[in-house]
């Protein structure tokens, strides 16, 4: 049975998804979005990873919107 996370998750920009596929800290999560759509996304348990950008700026937000 799937459990819901009590902590909010952040959407980040992944620099090279292939590195996440090979990483021991990355998991593929089946996510249910607010509009009812199911999507597969990476879940990273490593906080000091160099493969993603967590600082938000207007340009990063636009890039994430275009990637979705």
N, C-alpha and C. Protein backbone atom coordinates (compact mmCIF):
# COMPACT_ATOMS: atom_id res chain seq x y z
N UNK A 1 0.84 -1.18 0.00
CA UNK A 1 0.00 0.00 0.00
C UNK A 1 0.88 1.24 0.00
N UNK A 2 0.56 2.19 -0.82
CA UNK A 2 1.33 3.42 -0.91
C UNK A 2 0.95 4.36 0.23
N UNK A 3 1.95 5.05 0.73
CA UNK A 3 1.68 6.01 1.79
C UNK A 3 1.94 7.41 1.26
N UNK A 4 1.26 8.38 1.84
CA UNK A 4 1.44 9.76 1.43
C UNK A 4 2.49 10.40 2.31
N UNK A 5 3.31 11.22 1.71
CA UNK A 5 4.34 11.93 2.44
C UNK A 5 3.73 13.09 3.21
N UNK A 6 4.18 13.29 4.46
CA UNK A 6 3.69 14.40 5.26
C UNK A 6 4.51 15.66 4.99
N UNK A 7 5.67 15.50 4.37
CA UNK A 7 6.51 16.64 4.04
C UNK A 7 6.29 17.03 2.59
N UNK A 8 6.16 18.32 2.31
CA UNK A 8 6.00 18.73 0.91
C UNK A 8 7.28 18.44 0.12
N UNK A 9 7.12 18.00 -1.10
CA UNK A 9 8.26 17.73 -1.97
C UNK A 9 8.51 18.93 -2.87
N UNK A 10 9.77 19.14 -3.23
CA UNK A 10 10.12 20.23 -4.12
C UNK A 10 10.39 19.67 -5.50
N UNK A 11 9.93 20.39 -6.51
CA UNK A 11 10.25 20.05 -7.89
C UNK A 11 11.54 20.78 -8.23
N UNK A 12 12.50 20.02 -8.73
CA UNK A 12 13.81 20.58 -9.03
C UNK A 12 14.16 20.31 -10.49
N UNK A 13 15.18 20.97 -10.96
CA UNK A 13 15.66 20.75 -12.32
C UNK A 13 16.82 19.76 -12.27
N UNK A 14 16.69 18.64 -12.97
CA UNK A 14 17.75 17.63 -13.04
C UNK A 14 18.63 17.97 -14.23
N UNK A 15 19.94 17.99 -13.99
CA UNK A 15 20.86 18.34 -15.06
C UNK A 15 21.06 17.18 -16.04
N UNK A 16 21.26 15.96 -15.54
CA UNK A 16 21.45 14.80 -16.39
C UNK A 16 20.66 13.62 -15.82
N UNK A 17 19.46 13.34 -16.35
CA UNK A 17 18.62 12.27 -15.82
C UNK A 17 19.28 10.88 -15.87
N UNK A 18 20.20 10.66 -16.80
CA UNK A 18 20.86 9.37 -16.89
C UNK A 18 21.67 9.06 -15.62
N UNK A 19 22.24 10.09 -15.01
CA UNK A 19 22.96 9.88 -13.76
C UNK A 19 22.01 9.42 -12.65
N UNK A 20 20.78 9.93 -12.65
CA UNK A 20 19.80 9.53 -11.64
C UNK A 20 19.39 8.07 -11.82
N UNK A 21 19.29 7.63 -13.05
CA UNK A 21 18.90 6.24 -13.31
C UNK A 21 19.93 5.28 -12.72
N UNK A 22 21.18 5.67 -12.76
CA UNK A 22 22.27 4.81 -12.27
C UNK A 22 22.59 5.00 -10.77
N UNK A 23 21.99 5.98 -10.14
CA UNK A 23 22.31 6.33 -8.76
C UNK A 23 21.58 5.46 -7.75
N UNK A 24 22.26 5.12 -6.65
CA UNK A 24 21.65 4.32 -5.58
C UNK A 24 20.70 5.15 -4.71
N UNK A 25 20.76 6.47 -4.81
CA UNK A 25 19.93 7.34 -3.98
C UNK A 25 18.65 7.79 -4.68
N UNK A 26 18.51 7.47 -5.95
CA UNK A 26 17.35 7.91 -6.72
C UNK A 26 16.34 6.78 -6.86
N UNK A 27 15.09 7.12 -6.74
CA UNK A 27 13.99 6.18 -6.87
C UNK A 27 12.98 6.76 -7.84
N UNK A 28 12.26 5.91 -8.53
CA UNK A 28 11.21 6.38 -9.41
C UNK A 28 9.90 6.26 -8.65
N UNK A 29 9.22 7.38 -8.53
CA UNK A 29 7.97 7.43 -7.77
C UNK A 29 6.80 7.57 -8.73
N UNK A 30 5.70 6.91 -8.42
CA UNK A 30 4.46 7.05 -9.16
C UNK A 30 3.66 8.14 -8.44
N UNK A 31 3.55 9.31 -9.05
CA UNK A 31 2.98 10.49 -8.39
C UNK A 31 1.60 10.77 -8.94
N UNK A 32 0.66 11.04 -8.04
CA UNK A 32 -0.69 11.45 -8.42
C UNK A 32 -0.77 12.97 -8.28
N UNK A 33 -0.94 13.66 -9.40
CA UNK A 33 -1.00 15.11 -9.40
C UNK A 33 -2.37 15.60 -8.95
N UNK A 34 -2.47 16.87 -8.64
CA UNK A 34 -3.72 17.45 -8.15
C UNK A 34 -4.86 17.31 -9.15
N UNK A 35 -4.54 17.29 -10.44
CA UNK A 35 -5.59 17.16 -11.45
C UNK A 35 -5.95 15.71 -11.76
N UNK A 36 -5.41 14.76 -10.98
CA UNK A 36 -5.76 13.35 -11.13
C UNK A 36 -4.88 12.58 -12.10
N UNK A 37 -3.91 13.23 -12.70
CA UNK A 37 -3.02 12.57 -13.65
C UNK A 37 -1.88 11.87 -12.89
N UNK A 38 -1.57 10.65 -13.29
CA UNK A 38 -0.45 9.92 -12.70
C UNK A 38 0.78 10.15 -13.55
N UNK A 39 1.92 10.36 -12.89
CA UNK A 39 3.16 10.64 -13.58
C UNK A 39 4.31 9.96 -12.85
N UNK A 40 5.29 9.48 -13.57
CA UNK A 40 6.48 8.90 -12.95
C UNK A 40 7.52 10.00 -12.82
N UNK A 41 8.07 10.12 -11.61
CA UNK A 41 9.07 11.14 -11.34
C UNK A 41 10.19 10.55 -10.50
N UNK A 42 11.36 11.19 -10.55
CA UNK A 42 12.46 10.77 -9.69
C UNK A 42 12.25 11.30 -8.28
N UNK A 43 12.62 10.48 -7.31
CA UNK A 43 12.69 10.91 -5.92
C UNK A 43 14.14 10.71 -5.48
N UNK A 44 14.80 11.76 -5.07
CA UNK A 44 16.21 11.69 -4.68
C UNK A 44 16.32 11.82 -3.16
N UNK A 45 16.99 10.86 -2.55
CA UNK A 45 17.17 10.91 -1.09
C UNK A 45 18.51 11.53 -0.70
N UNK A 46 19.30 11.93 -1.66
CA UNK A 46 20.59 12.53 -1.39
C UNK A 46 20.47 14.05 -1.42
N UNK A 47 20.80 14.70 -0.32
CA UNK A 47 20.64 16.15 -0.20
C UNK A 47 21.81 16.94 -0.77
N UNK A 48 22.97 16.30 -0.97
CA UNK A 48 24.14 17.03 -1.43
C UNK A 48 24.53 16.66 -2.87
N UNK A 49 23.56 16.31 -3.67
CA UNK A 49 23.80 15.89 -5.04
C UNK A 49 24.14 17.09 -5.92
N UNK A 50 25.07 16.90 -6.84
CA UNK A 50 25.46 17.96 -7.77
C UNK A 50 24.69 17.89 -9.08
N UNK A 51 23.78 16.94 -9.21
CA UNK A 51 23.08 16.72 -10.47
C UNK A 51 21.76 17.48 -10.56
N UNK A 52 21.41 18.26 -9.57
CA UNK A 52 20.17 19.02 -9.66
C UNK A 52 20.33 20.42 -9.10
N UNK A 53 19.45 21.29 -9.54
CA UNK A 53 19.46 22.69 -9.15
C UNK A 53 18.22 22.95 -8.31
N UNK A 54 18.40 23.43 -7.10
CA UNK A 54 17.25 23.68 -6.24
C UNK A 54 16.97 25.16 -6.04
N UNK A 55 17.93 26.01 -6.39
CA UNK A 55 17.71 27.45 -6.26
C UNK A 55 16.74 27.90 -7.33
N UNK A 56 15.72 28.63 -6.92
CA UNK A 56 14.72 29.03 -7.90
C UNK A 56 14.99 30.45 -8.38
N UNK A 57 14.81 30.62 -9.65
CA UNK A 57 14.84 31.95 -10.26
C UNK A 57 13.77 31.94 -11.33
N UNK A 58 13.48 33.06 -11.89
CA UNK A 58 12.45 33.13 -12.92
C UNK A 58 12.82 32.28 -14.13
N UNK A 59 14.08 32.25 -14.51
CA UNK A 59 14.50 31.47 -15.66
C UNK A 59 14.36 29.99 -15.38
N UNK A 60 14.77 29.52 -14.18
CA UNK A 60 14.64 28.12 -13.83
C UNK A 60 13.18 27.70 -13.85
N UNK A 61 12.30 28.55 -13.34
CA UNK A 61 10.87 28.22 -13.32
C UNK A 61 10.33 28.09 -14.74
N UNK A 62 10.75 28.98 -15.62
CA UNK A 62 10.33 28.89 -17.01
C UNK A 62 10.84 27.61 -17.66
N UNK A 63 12.08 27.22 -17.35
CA UNK A 63 12.65 25.99 -17.91
C UNK A 63 11.88 24.77 -17.42
N UNK A 64 11.50 24.76 -16.13
CA UNK A 64 10.73 23.64 -15.59
C UNK A 64 9.35 23.57 -16.23
N UNK A 65 8.72 24.72 -16.43
CA UNK A 65 7.41 24.74 -17.06
C UNK A 65 7.49 24.21 -18.49
N UNK A 66 8.55 24.58 -19.20
CA UNK A 66 8.71 24.12 -20.59
C UNK A 66 9.00 22.63 -20.64
N UNK A 67 9.72 22.12 -19.63
CA UNK A 67 10.07 20.69 -19.60
C UNK A 67 8.86 19.83 -19.29
N UNK A 68 7.91 20.37 -18.54
CA UNK A 68 6.72 19.59 -18.18
C UNK A 68 5.82 19.51 -19.37
